[in-house]
Amino acid sequence: MKAIPWSEPGWISATYSKDNAYIGISASIMHGGKVFVEQEPENQADKIIVEGAEVIYNKVVKEEVSYDYLNWYNEKQDAYYTLSSYGDKILTKEQFLQLAGELLK
């Protein structure tokens, strides 16, 4: 962890919802720090190139919940992003990657 001044952002997130369907995006400004992401054994993770950026696509299916999420690092911005889809209308993998492509443009 690294202390940052109150005048600099450390993290931001937004959630779009319609009925019981949700799409979330968050960005962590790294300020030169490091990030570690643990993958649970049941996660189905794939490295995929979207708009020239390497993203990690994860599909999580558990008894009580299922969701998809993407992670990527933007070196120019020094920011780590997470895009998620959850609720009662999860996007297909193709739709999800298309949305990520729009964000990466």
PDB file of N, CA and C in Angstrom:
ATOM      1  N   MET A   1       0.842  -1.177   0.000  1.00  0.00           N
ATOM      2  CA  MET A   1       0.000   0.000   0.000  1.00  0.00           C
ATOM      3  C   MET A   1       0.883   1.234   0.000  1.00  0.00           C
ATOM      4  N   LYS A   2       0.320   2.295  -0.543  1.00  0.00           N
ATOM      5  CA  LYS A   2       1.053   3.546  -0.615  1.00  0.00           C
ATOM      6  C   LYS A   2       0.082   4.688  -0.298  1.00  0.00           C
ATOM      7  N   ALA A   3       0.467   5.572   0.576  1.00  0.00           N
ATOM      8  CA  ALA A   3      -0.365   6.732   0.899  1.00  0.00           C
ATOM      9  C   ALA A   3      -0.327   7.711  -0.257  1.00  0.00           C
ATOM     10  N   ILE A   4      -1.491   8.263  -0.609  1.00  0.00           N
ATOM     11  CA  ILE A   4      -1.548   9.289  -1.644  1.00  0.00           C
ATOM     12  C   ILE A   4      -2.280  10.497  -1.079  1.00  0.00           C
ATOM     13  N   PRO A   5      -1.961  11.698  -1.589  1.00  0.00           N
ATOM     14  CA  PRO A   5      -2.633  12.897  -1.077  1.00  0.00           C
ATOM     15  C   PRO A   5      -4.125  12.884  -1.409  1.00  0.00           C
ATOM     16  N   TRP A   6      -4.915  13.544  -0.610  1.00  0.00           N
ATOM     17  CA  TRP A   6      -6.354  13.644  -0.867  1.00  0.00           C
ATOM     18  C   TRP A   6      -6.635  14.325  -2.201  1.00  0.00           C
ATOM     19  N   SER A   7      -5.677  15.068  -2.726  1.00  0.00           N
ATOM     20  CA  SER A   7      -5.879  15.774  -3.990  1.00  0.00           C
ATOM     21  C   SER A   7      -5.724  14.853  -5.205  1.00  0.00           C
ATOM     22  N   GLU A   8      -5.296  13.605  -5.013  1.00  0.00           N
ATOM     23  CA  GLU A   8      -5.122  12.659  -6.114  1.00  0.00           C
ATOM     24  C   GLU A   8      -6.084  11.492  -5.948  1.00  0.00           C
ATOM     25  N   PRO A   9      -6.721  11.066  -7.060  1.00  0.00           N
ATOM     26  CA  PRO A   9      -7.632   9.931  -6.943  1.00  0.00           C
ATOM     27  C   PRO A   9      -6.875   8.626  -6.749  1.00  0.00           C
ATOM     28  N   GLY A  10      -7.475   7.705  -6.048  1.00  0.00           N
ATOM     29  CA  GLY A  10      -6.894   6.388  -5.868  1.00  0.00           C
ATOM     30  C   GLY A  10      -7.736   5.315  -6.532  1.00  0.00           C
ATOM     31  N   TRP A  11      -9.054   5.553  -6.621  1.00  0.00           N
ATOM     32  CA  TRP A  11      -9.961   4.541  -7.140  1.00  0.00           C
ATOM     33  C   TRP A  11     -11.277   5.206  -7.500  1.00  0.00           C
ATOM     34  N   ILE A  12     -11.886   4.721  -8.561  1.00  0.00           N
ATOM     35  CA  ILE A  12     -13.199   5.235  -8.962  1.00  0.00           C
ATOM     36  C   ILE A  12     -14.006   4.077  -9.521  1.00  0.00           C
ATOM     37  N   SER A  13     -15.314   4.108  -9.329  1.00  0.00           N
ATOM     38  CA  SER A  13     -16.154   3.051  -9.886  1.00  0.00           C
ATOM     39  C   SER A  13     -17.516   3.610 -10.256  1.00  0.00           C
ATOM     40  N   ALA A  14     -18.183   2.886 -11.161  1.00  0.00           N
ATOM     41  CA  ALA A  14     -19.533   3.241 -11.579  1.00  0.00           C
ATOM     42  C   ALA A  14     -20.287   1.950 -11.870  1.00  0.00           C
ATOM     43  N   THR A  15     -21.587   1.972 -11.652  1.00  0.00           N
ATOM     44  CA  THR A  15     -22.427   0.816 -11.938  1.00  0.00           C
ATOM     45  C   THR A  15     -23.636   1.274 -12.737  1.00  0.00           C
ATOM     46  N   TYR A  16     -23.870   0.597 -13.856  1.00  0.00           N
ATOM     47  CA  TYR A  16     -25.071   0.821 -14.658  1.00  0.00           C
ATOM     48  C   TYR A  16     -26.035  -0.308 -14.321  1.00  0.00           C
ATOM     49  N   SER A  17     -27.278   0.025 -14.041  1.00  0.00           N
ATOM     50  CA  SER A  17     -28.244  -1.026 -13.711  1.00  0.00           C
ATOM     51  C   SER A  17     -29.549  -0.796 -14.459  1.00  0.00           C
ATOM     52  N   LYS A  18     -30.166  -1.910 -14.796  1.00  0.00           N
ATOM     53  CA  LYS A  18     -31.500  -1.883 -15.378  1.00  0.00           C
ATOM     54  C   LYS A  18     -32.207  -3.099 -14.819  1.00  0.00           C
ATOM     55  N   ASP A  19     -33.280  -2.842 -14.067  1.00  0.00           N
ATOM     56  CA  ASP A  19     -33.982  -3.902 -13.349  1.00  0.00           C
ATOM     57  C   ASP A  19     -32.972  -4.621 -12.451  1.00  0.00           C
ATOM     58  N   ASN A  20     -32.762  -5.908 -12.636  1.00  0.00           N
ATOM     59  CA  ASN A  20     -31.803  -6.653 -11.812  1.00  0.00           C
ATOM     60  C   ASN A  20     -30.555  -7.053 -12.589  1.00  0.00           C
ATOM     61  N   ALA A  21     -30.211  -6.283 -13.611  1.00  0.00           N
ATOM     62  CA  ALA A  21     -28.994  -6.525 -14.386  1.00  0.00           C
ATOM     63  C   ALA A  21     -28.021  -5.378 -14.124  1.00  0.00           C
ATOM     64  N   TYR A  22     -26.729  -5.721 -14.002  1.00  0.00           N
ATOM     65  CA  TYR A  22     -25.726  -4.717 -13.634  1.00  0.00           C
ATOM     66  C   TYR A  22     -24.472  -4.857 -14.486  1.00  0.00           C
ATOM     67  N   ILE A  23     -23.915  -3.710 -14.836  1.00  0.00           N
ATOM     68  CA  ILE A  23     -22.600  -3.647 -15.453  1.00  0.00           C
ATOM     69  C   ILE A  23     -21.801  -2.653 -14.624  1.00  0.00           C
ATOM     70  N   GLY A  24     -20.664  -3.086 -14.144  1.00  0.00           N
ATOM     71  CA  GLY A  24     -19.835  -2.221 -13.313  1.00  0.00           C
ATOM     72  C   GLY A  24     -18.475  -2.006 -13.941  1.00  0.00           C
ATOM     73  N   ILE A  25     -17.906  -0.841 -13.718  1.00  0.00           N
ATOM     74  CA  ILE A  25     -16.534  -0.568 -14.131  1.00  0.00           C
ATOM     75  C   ILE A  25     -15.838   0.143 -12.985  1.00  0.00           C
ATOM     76  N   SER A  26     -14.595  -0.256 -12.747  1.00  0.00           N
ATOM     77  CA  SER A  26     -13.804   0.427 -11.729  1.00  0.00           C
ATOM     78  C   SER A  26     -12.386   0.605 -12.258  1.00  0.00           C
ATOM     79  N   ALA A  27     -11.744   1.641 -11.766  1.00  0.00           N
ATOM     80  CA  ALA A  27     -10.360   1.925 -12.130  1.00  0.00           C
ATOM     81  C   ALA A  27      -9.590   2.245 -10.860  1.00  0.00           C
ATOM     82  N   SER A  28      -8.459   1.597 -10.712  1.00  0.00           N
ATOM     83  CA  SER A  28      -7.556   1.882  -9.593  1.00  0.00           C
ATOM     84  C   SER A  28      -6.327   2.563 -10.166  1.00  0.00           C
ATOM     85  N   ILE A  29      -6.079   3.778  -9.727  1.00  0.00           N
ATOM     86  CA  ILE A  29      -4.894   4.505 -10.162  1.00  0.00           C
ATOM     87  C   ILE A  29      -3.728   3.976  -9.327  1.00  0.00           C
ATOM     88  N   MET A  30      -2.726   3.444  -9.995  1.00  0.00           N
ATOM     89  CA  MET A  30      -1.678   2.699  -9.300  1.00  0.00           C
ATOM     90  C   MET A  30      -0.590   3.578  -8.674  1.00  0.00           C
ATOM     91  N   HIS A  31      -0.373   4.770  -9.177  1.00  0.00           N
ATOM     92  CA  HIS A  31       0.668   5.650  -8.634  1.00  0.00           C
ATOM     93  C   HIS A  31       2.001   4.918  -8.509  1.00  0.00           C
ATOM     94  N   GLY A  32       2.302   4.083  -9.535  1.00  0.00           N
ATOM     95  CA  GLY A  32       3.572   3.357  -9.533  1.00  0.00           C
ATOM     96  C   GLY A  32       3.583   2.119  -8.660  1.00  0.00           C
ATOM     97  N   GLY A  33       2.465   1.787  -8.032  1.00  0.00           N
ATOM     98  CA  GLY A  33       2.403   0.626  -7.150  1.00  0.00           C
ATOM     99  C   GLY A  33       2.207  -0.671  -7.918  1.00  0.00           C
ATOM    100  N   LYS A  34       1.962  -1.739  -7.202  1.00  0.00           N
ATOM    101  CA  LYS A  34       1.758  -3.057  -7.791  1.00  0.00           C
ATOM    102  C   LYS A  34       0.368  -3.552  -7.436  1.00  0.00           C
ATOM    103  N   VAL A  35      -0.142  -4.439  -8.277  1.00  0.00           N
ATOM    104  CA  VAL A  35      -1.431  -5.063  -8.001  1.00  0.00           C
ATOM    105  C   VAL A  35      -1.279  -6.576  -8.168  1.00  0.00           C
ATOM    106  N   PHE A  36      -1.942  -7.317  -7.313  1.00  0.00           N
ATOM    107  CA  PHE A  36      -1.948  -8.768  -7.377  1.00  0.00           C
ATOM    108  C   PHE A  36      -3.399  -9.220  -7.400  1.00  0.00           C
ATOM    109  N   VAL A  37      -3.719 -10.129  -8.309  1.00  0.00           N
ATOM    110  CA  VAL A  37      -5.077 -10.645  -8.412  1.00  0.00           C
ATOM    111  C   VAL A  37      -5.014 -12.157  -8.267  1.00  0.00           C
ATOM    112  N   GLU A  38      -5.703 -12.676  -7.287  1.00  0.00           N
ATOM    113  CA  GLU A  38      -5.743 -14.121  -7.085  1.00  0.00           C
ATOM    114  C   GLU A  38      -6.893 -14.709  -7.880  1.00  0.00           C
ATOM    115  N   GLN A  39      -6.615 -15.814  -8.542  1.00  0.00           N
ATOM    116  CA  GLN A  39      -7.644 -16.526  -9.278  1.00  0.00           C
ATOM    117  C   GLN A  39      -8.079 -17.733  -8.459  1.00  0.00           C
ATOM    118  N   GLU A  40      -9.363 -17.844  -8.230  1.00  0.00           N
ATOM    119  CA  GLU A  40      -9.885 -19.012  -7.537  1.00  0.00           C
ATOM    120  C   GLU A  40      -9.893 -20.188  -8.510  1.00  0.00           C
ATOM    121  N   PRO A  41      -9.725 -21.399  -8.016  1.00  0.00           N
ATOM    122  CA  PRO A  41      -9.645 -22.568  -8.904  1.00  0.00           C
ATOM    123  C   PRO A  41     -10.849 -22.731  -9.832  1.00  0.00           C
ATOM    124  N   GLU A  42     -12.034 -22.324  -9.380  1.00  0.00           N
ATOM    125  CA  GLU A  42     -13.221 -22.496 -10.210  1.00  0.00           C
ATOM    126  C   GLU A  42     -13.382 -21.423 -11.289  1.00  0.00           C
ATOM    127  N   ASN A  43     -12.584 -20.357 -11.236  1.00  0.00           N
ATOM    128  CA  ASN A  43     -12.656 -19.333 -12.274  1.00  0.00           C
ATOM    129  C   ASN A  43     -12.173 -19.888 -13.606  1.00  0.00           C
ATOM    130  N   GLN A  44     -12.836 -19.495 -14.666  1.00  0.00           N
ATOM    131  CA  GLN A  44     -12.422 -19.858 -16.010  1.00  0.00           C
ATOM    132  C   GLN A  44     -11.812 -18.606 -16.626  1.00  0.00           C
ATOM    133  N   ALA A  45     -10.488 -18.492 -16.615  1.00  0.00           N
ATOM    134  CA  ALA A  45      -9.808 -17.285 -17.067  1.00  0.00           C
ATOM    135  C   ALA A  45      -9.165 -17.499 -18.430  1.00  0.00           C
ATOM    136  N   ASP A  46      -9.281 -16.485 -19.302  1.00  0.00           N
ATOM    137  CA  ASP A  46      -8.668 -16.499 -20.629  1.00  0.00           C
ATOM    138  C   ASP A  46      -7.998 -15.163 -20.886  1.00  0.00           C
ATOM    139  N   LYS A  47      -6.783 -15.194 -21.466  1.00  0.00           N
ATOM    140  CA  LYS A  47      -6.135 -13.972 -21.936  1.00  0.00           C
ATOM    141  C   LYS A  47      -6.629 -13.719 -23.355  1.00  0.00           C
ATOM    142  N   ILE A  48      -7.106 -12.508 -23.598  1.00  0.00           N
ATOM    143  CA  ILE A  48      -7.668 -12.147 -24.895  1.00  0.00           C
ATOM    144  C   ILE A  48      -7.156 -10.762 -25.272  1.00  0.00           C
ATOM    145  N   ILE A  49      -6.881 -10.532 -26.552  1.00  0.00           N
ATOM    146  CA  ILE A  49      -6.498  -9.208 -27.035  1.00  0.00           C
ATOM    147  C   ILE A  49      -7.757  -8.496 -27.520  1.00  0.00           C
ATOM    148  N   VAL A  50      -8.020  -7.323 -26.949  1.00  0.00           N
ATOM    149  CA  VAL A  50      -9.162  -6.497 -27.322  1.00  0.00           C
ATOM    150  C   VAL A  50      -8.637  -5.107 -27.631  1.00  0.00           C
ATOM    151  N   GLU A  51      -8.876  -4.639 -28.848  1.00  0.00           N
ATOM    152  CA  GLU A  51      -8.414  -3.309 -29.268  1.00  0.00           C
ATOM    153  C   GLU A  51      -6.923  -3.105 -28.967  1.00  0.00           C
ATOM    154  N   GLY A  52      -6.127  -4.145 -29.155  1.00  0.00           N
ATOM    155  CA  GLY A  52      -4.685  -4.059 -28.966  1.00  0.00           C
ATOM    156  C   GLY A  52      -4.214  -4.202 -27.522  1.00  0.00           C
ATOM    157  N   ALA A  53      -5.147  -4.365 -26.597  1.00  0.00           N
ATOM    158  CA  ALA A  53      -4.784  -4.499 -25.181  1.00  0.00           C
ATOM    159  C   ALA A  53      -5.046  -5.934 -24.715  1.00  0.00           C
ATOM    160  N   GLU A  54      -4.158  -6.447 -23.868  1.00  0.00           N
ATOM    161  CA  GLU A  54      -4.369  -7.769 -23.285  1.00  0.00           C
ATOM    162  C   GLU A  54      -5.316  -7.642 -22.097  1.00  0.00           C
ATOM    163  N   VAL A  55      -6.420  -8.379 -22.160  1.00  0.00           N
ATOM    164  CA  VAL A  55      -7.378  -8.391 -21.062  1.00  0.00           C
ATOM    165  C   VAL A  55      -7.501  -9.821 -20.551  1.00  0.00           C
ATOM    166  N   ILE A  56      -7.866  -9.952 -19.302  1.00  0.00           N
ATOM    167  CA  ILE A  56      -8.117 -11.256 -18.704  1.00  0.00           C
ATOM    168  C   ILE A  56      -9.624 -11.373 -18.507  1.00  0.00           C
ATOM    169  N   TYR A  57     -10.214 -12.331 -19.204  1.00  0.00           N
ATOM    170  CA  TYR A  57     -11.653 -12.584 -19.097  1.00  0.00           C
ATOM    171  C   TYR A  57     -11.871 -13.710 -18.088  1.00  0.00           C
ATOM    172  N   ASN A  58     -12.753 -13.477 -17.153  1.00  0.00           N
ATOM    173  CA  ASN A  58     -13.074 -14.472 -16.126  1.00  0.00           C
ATOM    174  C   ASN A  58     -14.565 -14.748 -16.118  1.00  0.00           C
ATOM    175  N   LYS A  59     -14.902 -16.010 -16.064  1.00  0.00           N
ATOM    176  CA  LYS A  59     -16.296 -16.425 -15.867  1.00  0.00           C
ATOM    177  C   LYS A  59     -16.326 -17.191 -14.558  1.00  0.00           C
ATOM    178  N   VAL A  60     -17.148 -16.734 -13.647  1.00  0.00           N
ATOM    179  CA  VAL A  60     -17.258 -17.357 -12.333  1.00  0.00           C
ATOM    180  C   VAL A  60     -18.667 -17.921 -12.203  1.00  0.00           C
ATOM    181  N   VAL A  61     -18.734 -19.204 -11.945  1.00  0.00           N
ATOM    182  CA  VAL A  61     -20.024 -19.861 -11.738  1.00  0.00           C
ATOM    183  C   VAL A  61     -19.951 -20.606 -10.411  1.00  0.00           C
ATOM    184  N   LYS A  62     -20.752 -20.144  -9.477  1.00  0.00           N
ATOM    185  CA  LYS A  62     -20.833 -20.778  -8.160  1.00  0.00           C
ATOM    186  C   LYS A  62     -22.293 -21.125  -7.901  1.00  0.00           C
ATOM    187  N   GLU A  63     -22.519 -21.910  -6.908  1.00  0.00           N
ATOM    188  CA  GLU A  63     -23.885 -22.324  -6.599  1.00  0.00           C
ATOM    189  C   GLU A  63     -24.786 -21.125  -6.319  1.00  0.00           C
ATOM    190  N   GLU A  64     -24.274 -20.139  -5.595  1.00  0.00           N
ATOM    191  CA  GLU A  64     -25.100 -19.010  -5.170  1.00  0.00           C
ATOM    192  C   GLU A  64     -25.043 -17.798  -6.105  1.00  0.00           C
ATOM    193  N   VAL A  65     -24.048 -17.750  -7.017  1.00  0.00           N
ATOM    194  CA  VAL A  65     -23.893 -16.571  -7.864  1.00  0.00           C
ATOM    195  C   VAL A  65     -23.052 -16.915  -9.093  1.00  0.00           C
ATOM    196  N   SER A  66     -23.293 -16.174 -10.170  1.00  0.00           N
ATOM    197  CA  SER A  66     -22.416 -16.285 -11.334  1.00  0.00           C
ATOM    198  C   SER A  66     -22.244 -14.887 -11.921  1.00  0.00           C
ATOM    199  N   TYR A  67     -21.072 -14.633 -12.485  1.00  0.00           N
ATOM    200  CA  TYR A  67     -20.779 -13.331 -13.066  1.00  0.00           C
ATOM    201  C   TYR A  67     -19.563 -13.443 -13.980  1.00  0.00           C
ATOM    202  N   ASP A  68     -19.395 -12.434 -14.811  1.00  0.00           N
ATOM    203  CA  ASP A  68     -18.241 -12.325 -15.692  1.00  0.00           C
ATOM    204  C   ASP A  68     -17.496 -11.053 -15.328  1.00  0.00           C
ATOM    205  N   TYR A  69     -16.179 -11.072 -15.502  1.00  0.00           N
ATOM    206  CA  TYR A  69     -15.436  -9.833 -15.335  1.00  0.00           C
ATOM    207  C   TYR A  69     -14.163  -9.857 -16.169  1.00  0.00           C
ATOM    208  N   LEU A  70     -13.726  -8.668 -16.533  1.00  0.00           N
ATOM    209  CA  LEU A  70     -12.501  -8.458 -17.300  1.00  0.00           C
ATOM    210  C   LEU A  70     -11.573  -7.580 -16.486  1.00  0.00           C
ATOM    211  N   ASN A  71     -10.286  -7.843 -16.573  1.00  0.00           N
ATOM    212  CA  ASN A  71      -9.276  -6.992 -15.948  1.00  0.00           C
ATOM    213  C   ASN A  71      -8.240  -6.617 -17.001  1.00  0.00           C
ATOM    214  N   TRP A  72      -7.752  -5.390 -16.922  1.00  0.00           N
ATOM    215  CA  TRP A  72      -6.624  -4.996 -17.761  1.00  0.00           C
ATOM    216  C   TRP A  72      -5.891  -3.836 -17.111  1.00  0.00           C
ATOM    217  N   TYR A  73      -4.641  -3.680 -17.535  1.00  0.00           N
ATOM    218  CA  TYR A  73      -3.797  -2.596 -17.027  1.00  0.00           C
ATOM    219  C   TYR A  73      -3.479  -1.659 -18.177  1.00  0.00           C
ATOM    220  N   ASN A  74      -3.673  -0.362 -17.974  1.00  0.00           N
ATOM    221  CA  ASN A  74      -3.332   0.651 -18.958  1.00  0.00           C
ATOM    222  C   ASN A  74      -2.049   1.321 -18.491  1.00  0.00           C
ATOM    223  N   GLU A  75      -0.950   0.962 -19.152  1.00  0.00           N
ATOM    224  CA  GLU A  75       0.363   1.450 -18.727  1.00  0.00           C
ATOM    225  C   GLU A  75       0.473   2.966 -18.838  1.00  0.00           C
ATOM    226  N   LYS A  76      -0.064   3.555 -19.912  1.00  0.00           N
ATOM    227  CA  LYS A  76       0.018   5.009 -20.114  1.00  0.00           C
ATOM    228  C   LYS A  76      -0.675   5.766 -18.973  1.00  0.00           C
ATOM    229  N   GLN A  77      -1.830   5.248 -18.537  1.00  0.00           N
ATOM    230  CA  GLN A  77      -2.580   5.882 -17.448  1.00  0.00           C
ATOM    231  C   GLN A  77      -2.141   5.396 -16.075  1.00  0.00           C
ATOM    232  N   ASP A  78      -1.336   4.334 -16.029  1.00  0.00           N
ATOM    233  CA  ASP A  78      -0.949   3.667 -14.782  1.00  0.00           C
ATOM    234  C   ASP A  78      -2.204   3.334 -13.972  1.00  0.00           C
ATOM    235  N   ALA A  79      -3.173   2.712 -14.680  1.00  0.00           N
ATOM    236  CA  ALA A  79      -4.459   2.388 -14.061  1.00  0.00           C
ATOM    237  C   ALA A  79      -4.818   0.935 -14.337  1.00  0.00           C
ATOM    238  N   TYR A  80      -5.442   0.301 -13.362  1.00  0.00           N
ATOM    239  CA  TYR A  80      -5.892  -1.090 -13.444  1.00  0.00           C
ATOM    240  C   TYR A  80      -7.417  -1.079 -13.463  1.00  0.00           C
ATOM    241  N   TYR A  81      -8.000  -1.677 -14.497  1.00  0.00           N
ATOM    242  CA  TYR A  81      -9.441  -1.631 -14.710  1.00  0.00           C
ATOM    243  C   TYR A  81     -10.105  -2.981 -14.469  1.00  0.00           C
ATOM    244  N   THR A  82     -11.337  -2.933 -13.998  1.00  0.00           N
ATOM    245  CA  THR A  82     -12.189  -4.113 -13.887  1.00  0.00           C
ATOM    246  C   THR A  82     -13.560  -3.762 -14.456  1.00  0.00           C
ATOM    247  N   LEU A  83     -14.039  -4.596 -15.366  1.00  0.00           N
ATOM    248  CA  LEU A  83     -15.370  -4.463 -15.944  1.00  0.00           C
ATOM    249  C   LEU A  83     -16.136  -5.718 -15.556  1.00  0.00           C
ATOM    250  N   SER A  84     -17.338  -5.578 -15.021  1.00  0.00           N
ATOM    251  CA  SER A  84     -18.087  -6.750 -14.564  1.00  0.00           C
ATOM    252  C   SER A  84     -19.520  -6.726 -15.083  1.00  0.00           C
ATOM    253  N   SER A  85     -20.089  -7.919 -15.206  1.00  0.00           N
ATOM    254  CA  SER A  85     -21.477  -8.100 -15.627  1.00  0.00           C
ATOM    255  C   SER A  85     -22.096  -9.123 -14.686  1.00  0.00           C
ATOM    256  N   TYR A  86     -23.188  -8.743 -14.033  1.00  0.00           N
ATOM    257  CA  TYR A  86     -23.809  -9.646 -13.070  1.00  0.00           C
ATOM    258  C   TYR A  86     -25.289  -9.320 -12.920  1.00  0.00           C
ATOM    259  N   GLY A  87     -25.982 -10.154 -12.241  1.00  0.00           N
ATOM    260  CA  GLY A  87     -27.417  -9.982 -12.053  1.00  0.00           C
ATOM    261  C   GLY A  87     -28.179 -10.997 -12.875  1.00  0.00           C
ATOM    262  N   ASP A  88     -29.414 -10.660 -13.208  1.00  0.00           N
ATOM    263  CA  ASP A  88     -30.237 -11.644 -13.901  1.00  0.00           C
ATOM    264  C   ASP A  88     -30.101 -11.626 -15.423  1.00  0.00           C
ATOM    265  N   LYS A  89     -29.310 -10.722 -15.973  1.00  0.00           N
ATOM    266  CA  LYS A  89     -29.088 -10.676 -17.421  1.00  0.00           C
ATOM    267  C   LYS A  89     -27.612 -10.443 -17.705  1.00  0.00           C
ATOM    268  N   ILE A  90     -26.817 -11.488 -17.580  1.00  0.00           N
ATOM    269  CA  ILE A  90     -25.381 -11.378 -17.840  1.00  0.00           C
ATOM    270  C   ILE A  90     -25.161 -11.312 -19.345  1.00  0.00           C
ATOM    271  N   LEU A  91     -24.272 -10.429 -19.780  1.00  0.00           N
ATOM    272  CA  LEU A  91     -23.943 -10.321 -21.194  1.00  0.00           C
ATOM    273  C   LEU A  91     -23.259 -11.592 -21.683  1.00  0.00           C
ATOM    274  N   THR A  92     -23.412 -11.894 -22.972  1.00  0.00           N
ATOM    275  CA  THR A  92     -22.646 -13.002 -23.537  1.00  0.00           C
ATOM    276  C   THR A  92     -21.175 -12.590 -23.564  1.00  0.00           C
ATOM    277  N   LYS A  93     -20.296 -13.545 -23.710  1.00  0.00           N
ATOM    278  CA  LYS A  93     -18.863 -13.247 -23.776  1.00  0.00           C
ATOM    279  C   LYS A  93     -18.580 -12.271 -24.918  1.00  0.00           C
ATOM    280  N   GLU A  94     -19.202 -12.490 -26.065  1.00  0.00           N
ATOM    281  CA  GLU A  94     -18.981 -11.623 -27.223  1.00  0.00           C
ATOM    282  C   GLU A  94     -19.455 -10.197 -26.949  1.00  0.00           C
ATOM    283  N   GLN A  95     -20.642 -10.057 -26.340  1.00  0.00           N
ATOM    284  CA  GLN A  95     -21.156  -8.727 -26.001  1.00  0.00           C
ATOM    285  C   GLN A  95     -20.238  -8.032 -24.995  1.00  0.00           C
ATOM    286  N   PHE A  96     -19.771  -8.796 -24.041  1.00  0.00           N
ATOM    287  CA  PHE A  96     -18.912  -8.270 -22.988  1.00  0.00           C
ATOM    288  C   PHE A  96     -17.589  -7.766 -23.572  1.00  0.00           C
ATOM    289  N   LEU A  97     -16.990  -8.548 -24.470  1.00  0.00           N
ATOM    290  CA  LEU A  97     -15.736  -8.138 -25.115  1.00  0.00           C
ATOM    291  C   LEU A  97     -15.963  -6.938 -26.035  1.00  0.00           C
ATOM    292  N   GLN A  98     -17.125  -6.861 -26.674  1.00  0.00           N
ATOM    293  CA  GLN A  98     -17.432  -5.703 -27.498  1.00  0.00           C
ATOM    294  C   GLN A  98     -17.529  -4.445 -26.644  1.00  0.00           C
ATOM    295  N   LEU A  99     -18.163  -4.544 -25.484  1.00  0.00           N
ATOM    296  CA  LEU A  99     -18.257  -3.403 -24.572  1.00  0.00           C
ATOM    297  C   LEU A  99     -16.865  -2.981 -24.102  1.00  0.00           C
ATOM    298  N   ALA A 100     -16.033  -3.951 -23.759  1.00  0.00           N
ATOM    299  CA  ALA A 100     -14.663  -3.645 -23.337  1.00  0.00           C
ATOM    300  C   ALA A 100     -13.915  -2.933 -24.463  1.00  0.00           C
ATOM    301  N   GLY A 101     -14.123  -3.390 -25.702  1.00  0.00           N
ATOM    302  CA  GLY A 101     -13.476  -2.744 -26.844  1.00  0.00           C
ATOM    303  C   GLY A 101     -13.873  -1.287 -26.974  1.00  0.00           C
ATOM    304  N   GLU A 102     -15.141  -0.984 -26.740  1.00  0.00           N
ATOM    305  CA  GLU A 102     -15.607   0.408 -26.794  1.00  0.00           C
ATOM    306  C   GLU A 102     -14.921   1.239 -25.714  1.00  0.00           C
ATOM    307  N   LEU A 103     -14.770   0.667 -24.529  1.00  0.00           N
ATOM    308  CA  LEU A 103     -14.117   1.389 -23.433  1.00  0.00           C
ATOM    309  C   LEU A 103     -12.632   1.593 -23.702  1.00  0.00           C
ATOM    310  N   LEU A 104     -12.007   0.612 -24.360  1.00  0.00           N
ATOM    311  CA  LEU A 104     -10.575   0.704 -24.625  1.00  0.00           C
ATOM    312  C   LEU A 104     -10.235   1.678 -25.753  1.00  0.00           C
ATOM    313  N   LYS A 105     -11.221   2.001 -26.600  1.00  0.00           N
ATOM    314  CA  LYS A 105     -10.973   2.959 -27.690  1.00  0.00           C
ATOM    315  C   LYS A 105     -10.706   4.290 -27.117  1.00  0.00           C
TER     316      LYS A 105
END
